[in-house]
Amino acid sequence: MPDLLPPCVARCFSALLLVAVLAGCAVAPTAPPTLYQRLGGAPRLELVIGRMIDRAARDPRTRRSFDGIKLAPLKESLVTQLCSISGGACRYEGETMARAHADARIVASEFDALVNILREELDRAGVDAGAKNELLRLLAPMKREIVGGHGGAAAPRS
C-alpha cells in the first residue's frame, strides 16, 4: 500500500495525534479541600457544635455563661459562623463576638474550658488534627472579643 502522505507530514500528524490523545488523558488539577470540607461539612459541624453547647450548658466551669440563653438558635448561629470562617458557602450575619458577649462577663477560665470541650468534641467526631488545629487558630483571636475587660471575676449578668 503506497504512503498517502509525505513522510514529514505523516510525522507531524502523528505527533499532533499523540499530543491530542495525551491531553485528553490529563486531569485538570483540583483545588485542595477547604477547611469546611475537611471538618466534615454541615453534618459534622452540627454534631460537634450541638454536643459542645449541650456539654457546656451543663458543665460547672461554663454553665453560668449559658444561663437564660436559648441553645437551639445559638447552635445554629455557631454552625453558620464556623461554616463561613472555614470556607463553606454559609454567610454569617450574626453579631460580632464583642457585641454578642458584651454583658456576659465571660472570664478566661470559662473561655478556656469551652475551647477544651470543643477540642474533645472535634476529636470525638473524628476530625483530623490538622483541621482541628486550623479551626482553633481561626477562632483564637476571638478570645479578645469574648473575654471582657470587667475586672476578671465572673459576675451575674445584669
C-alpha atoms as a PDB file:
ATOM      1  CA  MET A   1       0.000   0.000   0.000  1.00  0.00           C
ATOM      2  CA  PRO A   2       1.575   3.297  -1.017  1.00  0.00           C
ATOM      3  CA  ASP A   3       2.050   6.094   1.551  1.00  0.00           C
ATOM      4  CA  LEU A   4      -0.701   8.634   1.181  1.00  0.00           C
ATOM      5  CA  LEU A   5       1.194  11.433   2.967  1.00  0.00           C
ATOM      6  CA  PRO A   6       4.770  12.597   2.561  1.00  0.00           C
ATOM      7  CA  PRO A   7       6.959  11.343   5.475  1.00  0.00           C
ATOM      8  CA  CYS A   8       7.371  14.782   7.150  1.00  0.00           C
ATOM      9  CA  VAL A   9       3.601  15.425   7.081  1.00  0.00           C
ATOM     10  CA  ALA A  10       2.923  11.937   8.428  1.00  0.00           C
ATOM     11  CA  ARG A  11       5.356  12.500  11.347  1.00  0.00           C
ATOM     12  CA  CYS A  12       3.770  15.881  12.175  1.00  0.00           C
ATOM     13  CA  PHE A  13       0.313  14.387  12.027  1.00  0.00           C
ATOM     14  CA  SER A  14       1.380  11.513  14.308  1.00  0.00           C
ATOM     15  CA  ALA A  15       2.906  13.954  16.796  1.00  0.00           C
ATOM     16  CA  LEU A  16      -0.255  16.068  16.843  1.00  0.00           C
ATOM     17  CA  LEU A  17      -2.396  12.988  17.292  1.00  0.00           C
ATOM     18  CA  LEU A  18      -0.221  11.828  20.202  1.00  0.00           C
ATOM     19  CA  VAL A  19      -0.451  15.272  21.876  1.00  0.00           C
ATOM     20  CA  ALA A  20      -4.233  15.280  21.452  1.00  0.00           C
ATOM     21  CA  VAL A  21      -4.554  11.812  22.988  1.00  0.00           C
ATOM     22  CA  LEU A  22      -2.295  12.692  25.920  1.00  0.00           C
ATOM     23  CA  ALA A  23      -4.105  15.987  26.514  1.00  0.00           C
ATOM     24  CA  GLY A  24      -7.380  14.100  26.690  1.00  0.00           C
ATOM     25  CA  CYS A  25      -5.930  11.887  29.416  1.00  0.00           C
ATOM     26  CA  ALA A  26      -4.642  14.759  31.506  1.00  0.00           C
ATOM     27  CA  VAL A  27      -6.678  15.527  34.584  1.00  0.00           C
ATOM     28  CA  ALA A  28      -7.291  19.138  35.403  1.00  0.00           C
ATOM     29  CA  PRO A  29      -5.816  19.962  38.806  1.00  0.00           C
ATOM     30  CA  THR A  30      -8.406  20.099  41.536  1.00  0.00           C
ATOM     31  CA  ALA A  31      -8.414  22.625  44.312  1.00  0.00           C
ATOM     32  CA  PRO A  32      -7.476  21.221  47.698  1.00  0.00           C
ATOM     33  CA  PRO A  33     -10.429  20.646  50.005  1.00  0.00           C
ATOM     34  CA  THR A  34     -11.465  23.614  52.108  1.00  0.00           C
ATOM     35  CA  LEU A  35     -11.220  23.516  55.867  1.00  0.00           C
ATOM     36  CA  TYR A  36     -15.020  23.295  55.881  1.00  0.00           C
ATOM     37  CA  GLN A  37     -14.828  20.101  53.805  1.00  0.00           C
ATOM     38  CA  ARG A  38     -12.026  18.683  55.960  1.00  0.00           C
ATOM     39  CA  LEU A  39     -14.112  19.363  59.072  1.00  0.00           C
ATOM     40  CA  GLY A  40     -16.895  17.239  57.556  1.00  0.00           C
ATOM     41  CA  GLY A  41     -19.236  19.955  56.319  1.00  0.00           C
ATOM     42  CA  ALA A  42     -22.582  20.828  57.869  1.00  0.00           C
ATOM     43  CA  PRO A  43     -23.428  17.378  59.282  1.00  0.00           C
ATOM     44  CA  ARG A  44     -20.252  17.108  61.337  1.00  0.00           C
ATOM     45  CA  LEU A  45     -20.253  20.778  62.386  1.00  0.00           C
ATOM     46  CA  GLU A  46     -23.849  20.419  63.591  1.00  0.00           C
ATOM     47  CA  LEU A  47     -22.891  17.310  65.563  1.00  0.00           C
ATOM     48  CA  VAL A  48     -19.796  18.894  67.129  1.00  0.00           C
ATOM     49  CA  ILE A  49     -21.462  22.206  67.986  1.00  0.00           C
ATOM     50  CA  GLY A  50     -24.593  20.507  69.310  1.00  0.00           C
ATOM     51  CA  ARG A  51     -22.584  18.297  71.640  1.00  0.00           C
ATOM     52  CA  MET A  52     -20.277  21.156  72.662  1.00  0.00           C
ATOM     53  CA  ILE A  53     -23.119  23.504  73.607  1.00  0.00           C
ATOM     54  CA  ASP A  54     -25.070  20.777  75.410  1.00  0.00           C
ATOM     55  CA  ARG A  55     -21.992  19.876  77.467  1.00  0.00           C
ATOM     56  CA  ALA A  56     -21.014  23.489  78.156  1.00  0.00           C
ATOM     57  CA  ALA A  57     -24.530  24.338  79.346  1.00  0.00           C
ATOM     58  CA  ARG A  58     -24.225  21.565  81.978  1.00  0.00           C
ATOM     59  CA  ASP A  59     -20.519  21.849  82.849  1.00  0.00           C
ATOM     60  CA  PRO A  60     -19.887  23.606  86.188  1.00  0.00           C
ATOM     61  CA  ARG A  61     -16.973  25.522  84.636  1.00  0.00           C
ATOM     62  CA  THR A  62     -19.100  27.065  81.871  1.00  0.00           C
ATOM     63  CA  ARG A  63     -22.807  26.714  82.624  1.00  0.00           C
ATOM     64  CA  ARG A  64     -23.115  30.212  84.135  1.00  0.00           C
ATOM     65  CA  SER A  65     -22.369  31.629  80.683  1.00  0.00           C
ATOM     66  CA  PHE A  66     -25.357  29.797  79.220  1.00  0.00           C
ATOM     67  CA  ASP A  67     -27.978  30.714  81.825  1.00  0.00           C
ATOM     68  CA  GLY A  68     -31.008  32.192  80.069  1.00  0.00           C
ATOM     69  CA  ILE A  69     -29.603  31.505  76.584  1.00  0.00           C
ATOM     70  CA  LYS A  70     -31.786  29.736  74.023  1.00  0.00           C
ATOM     71  CA  LEU A  71     -29.486  26.912  72.965  1.00  0.00           C
ATOM     72  CA  ALA A  72     -31.066  25.932  69.620  1.00  0.00           C
ATOM     73  CA  PRO A  73     -30.585  29.353  67.967  1.00  0.00           C
ATOM     74  CA  LEU A  74     -27.090  29.580  69.486  1.00  0.00           C
ATOM     75  CA  LYS A  75     -26.141  26.222  67.963  1.00  0.00           C
ATOM     76  CA  GLU A  76     -27.489  27.264  64.571  1.00  0.00           C
ATOM     77  CA  SER A  77     -25.632  30.563  64.683  1.00  0.00           C
ATOM     78  CA  LEU A  78     -22.342  28.909  65.666  1.00  0.00           C
ATOM     79  CA  VAL A  79     -22.617  26.311  62.903  1.00  0.00           C
ATOM     80  CA  THR A  80     -23.215  29.093  60.373  1.00  0.00           C
ATOM     81  CA  GLN A  81     -20.294  31.104  61.721  1.00  0.00           C
ATOM     82  CA  LEU A  82     -17.912  28.123  61.601  1.00  0.00           C
ATOM     83  CA  CYS A  83     -19.126  27.250  58.115  1.00  0.00           C
ATOM     84  CA  SER A  84     -18.415  30.794  56.994  1.00  0.00           C
ATOM     85  CA  ILE A  85     -14.938  31.136  58.501  1.00  0.00           C
ATOM     86  CA  SER A  86     -13.834  27.686  57.357  1.00  0.00           C
ATOM     87  CA  GLY A  87     -14.592  28.182  53.667  1.00  0.00           C
ATOM     88  CA  GLY A  88     -18.127  26.832  53.434  1.00  0.00           C
ATOM     89  CA  ALA A  89     -20.869  28.517  51.441  1.00  0.00           C
ATOM     90  CA  CYS A  90     -22.583  29.923  54.545  1.00  0.00           C
ATOM     91  CA  ARG A  91     -22.804  33.604  55.296  1.00  0.00           C
ATOM     92  CA  TYR A  92     -22.688  34.562  58.958  1.00  0.00           C
ATOM     93  CA  GLU A  93     -24.805  37.625  59.614  1.00  0.00           C
ATOM     94  CA  GLY A  94     -24.918  37.470  63.390  1.00  0.00           C
ATOM     95  CA  GLU A  95     -23.488  39.848  65.945  1.00  0.00           C
ATOM     96  CA  THR A  96     -19.796  40.484  66.374  1.00  0.00           C
ATOM     97  CA  MET A  97     -18.277  38.469  69.199  1.00  0.00           C
ATOM     98  CA  ALA A  98     -17.676  41.645  71.220  1.00  0.00           C
ATOM     99  CA  ARG A  99     -21.305  42.733  70.926  1.00  0.00           C
ATOM    100  CA  ALA A 100     -22.745  39.259  71.492  1.00  0.00           C
ATOM    101  CA  HIS A 101     -20.738  38.822  74.695  1.00  0.00           C
ATOM    102  CA  ALA A 102     -20.727  42.411  75.978  1.00  0.00           C
ATOM    103  CA  ASP A 103     -22.920  41.698  79.009  1.00  0.00           C
ATOM    104  CA  ALA A 104     -21.946  38.063  79.533  1.00  0.00           C
ATOM    105  CA  ARG A 105     -18.879  38.799  81.674  1.00  0.00           C
ATOM    106  CA  ILE A 106     -17.030  35.769  80.346  1.00  0.00           C
ATOM    107  CA  VAL A 107     -13.720  35.142  82.098  1.00  0.00           C
ATOM    108  CA  ALA A 108     -10.654  33.440  80.657  1.00  0.00           C
ATOM    109  CA  SER A 109     -11.230  30.209  82.594  1.00  0.00           C
ATOM    110  CA  GLU A 110     -14.735  29.865  81.126  1.00  0.00           C
ATOM    111  CA  PHE A 111     -13.452  30.544  77.627  1.00  0.00           C
ATOM    112  CA  ASP A 112     -10.603  28.042  78.034  1.00  0.00           C
ATOM    113  CA  ALA A 113     -12.970  25.377  79.366  1.00  0.00           C
ATOM    114  CA  LEU A 114     -15.255  25.853  76.360  1.00  0.00           C
ATOM    115  CA  VAL A 115     -12.281  25.529  73.993  1.00  0.00           C
ATOM    116  CA  ASN A 116     -11.301  22.272  75.728  1.00  0.00           C
ATOM    117  CA  ILE A 117     -14.842  20.950  75.279  1.00  0.00           C
ATOM    118  CA  LEU A 118     -14.693  21.939  71.598  1.00  0.00           C
ATOM    119  CA  ARG A 119     -11.358  20.109  71.174  1.00  0.00           C
ATOM    120  CA  GLU A 120     -12.788  16.987  72.780  1.00  0.00           C
ATOM    121  CA  GLU A 121     -15.883  17.047  70.586  1.00  0.00           C
ATOM    122  CA  LEU A 122     -13.823  17.559  67.418  1.00  0.00           C
ATOM    123  CA  ASP A 123     -11.724  14.539  68.416  1.00  0.00           C
ATOM    124  CA  ARG A 124     -14.835  12.532  69.276  1.00  0.00           C
ATOM    125  CA  ALA A 125     -16.289  13.322  65.823  1.00  0.00           C
ATOM    126  CA  GLY A 126     -13.129  12.079  64.112  1.00  0.00           C
ATOM    127  CA  VAL A 127     -11.862  15.436  62.823  1.00  0.00           C
ATOM    128  CA  ASP A 128      -8.189  15.084  61.954  1.00  0.00           C
ATOM    129  CA  ALA A 129      -5.625  17.016  63.995  1.00  0.00           C
ATOM    130  CA  GLY A 130      -4.645  19.320  61.126  1.00  0.00           C
ATOM    131  CA  ALA A 131      -8.199  20.505  60.501  1.00  0.00           C
ATOM    132  CA  LYS A 132      -8.892  20.810  64.234  1.00  0.00           C
ATOM    133  CA  ASN A 133      -5.782  22.932  64.804  1.00  0.00           C
ATOM    134  CA  GLU A 134      -6.504  25.120  61.782  1.00  0.00           C
ATOM    135  CA  LEU A 135     -10.015  25.806  63.079  1.00  0.00           C
ATOM    136  CA  LEU A 136      -8.728  26.584  66.570  1.00  0.00           C
ATOM    137  CA  ARG A 137      -6.187  29.045  65.098  1.00  0.00           C
ATOM    138  CA  LEU A 138      -9.035  30.831  63.298  1.00  0.00           C
ATOM    139  CA  LEU A 139     -11.062  31.024  66.499  1.00  0.00           C
ATOM    140  CA  ALA A 140      -8.238  32.052  68.864  1.00  0.00           C
ATOM    141  CA  PRO A 141      -8.346  35.799  68.079  1.00  0.00           C
ATOM    142  CA  MET A 142     -11.984  35.862  69.197  1.00  0.00           C
ATOM    143  CA  LYS A 143     -10.881  35.403  72.799  1.00  0.00           C
ATOM    144  CA  ARG A 144     -10.053  39.123  72.999  1.00  0.00           C
ATOM    145  CA  GLU A 145     -13.610  39.977  71.969  1.00  0.00           C
ATOM    146  CA  ILE A 146     -15.344  37.378  74.151  1.00  0.00           C
ATOM    147  CA  VAL A 147     -13.376  37.686  77.389  1.00  0.00           C
ATOM    148  CA  GLY A 148     -14.318  41.144  78.550  1.00  0.00           C
ATOM    149  CA  GLY A 149     -12.390  43.742  80.461  1.00  0.00           C
ATOM    150  CA  HIS A 150     -14.556  43.518  83.558  1.00  0.00           C
ATOM    151  CA  GLY A 151     -12.086  43.020  86.338  1.00  0.00           C
ATOM    152  CA  GLY A 152     -11.505  39.308  85.672  1.00  0.00           C
ATOM    153  CA  ALA A 153     -14.171  37.916  88.004  1.00  0.00           C
ATOM    154  CA  ALA A 154     -17.316  36.248  86.808  1.00  0.00           C
ATOM    155  CA  ALA A 155     -20.349  38.148  87.892  1.00  0.00           C
ATOM    156  CA  PRO A 156     -24.051  37.648  87.376  1.00  0.00           C
ATOM    157  CA  ARG A 157     -25.465  39.254  84.279  1.00  0.00           C
ATOM    158  CA  SER A 158     -27.346  42.481  84.744  1.00  0.00           C
END
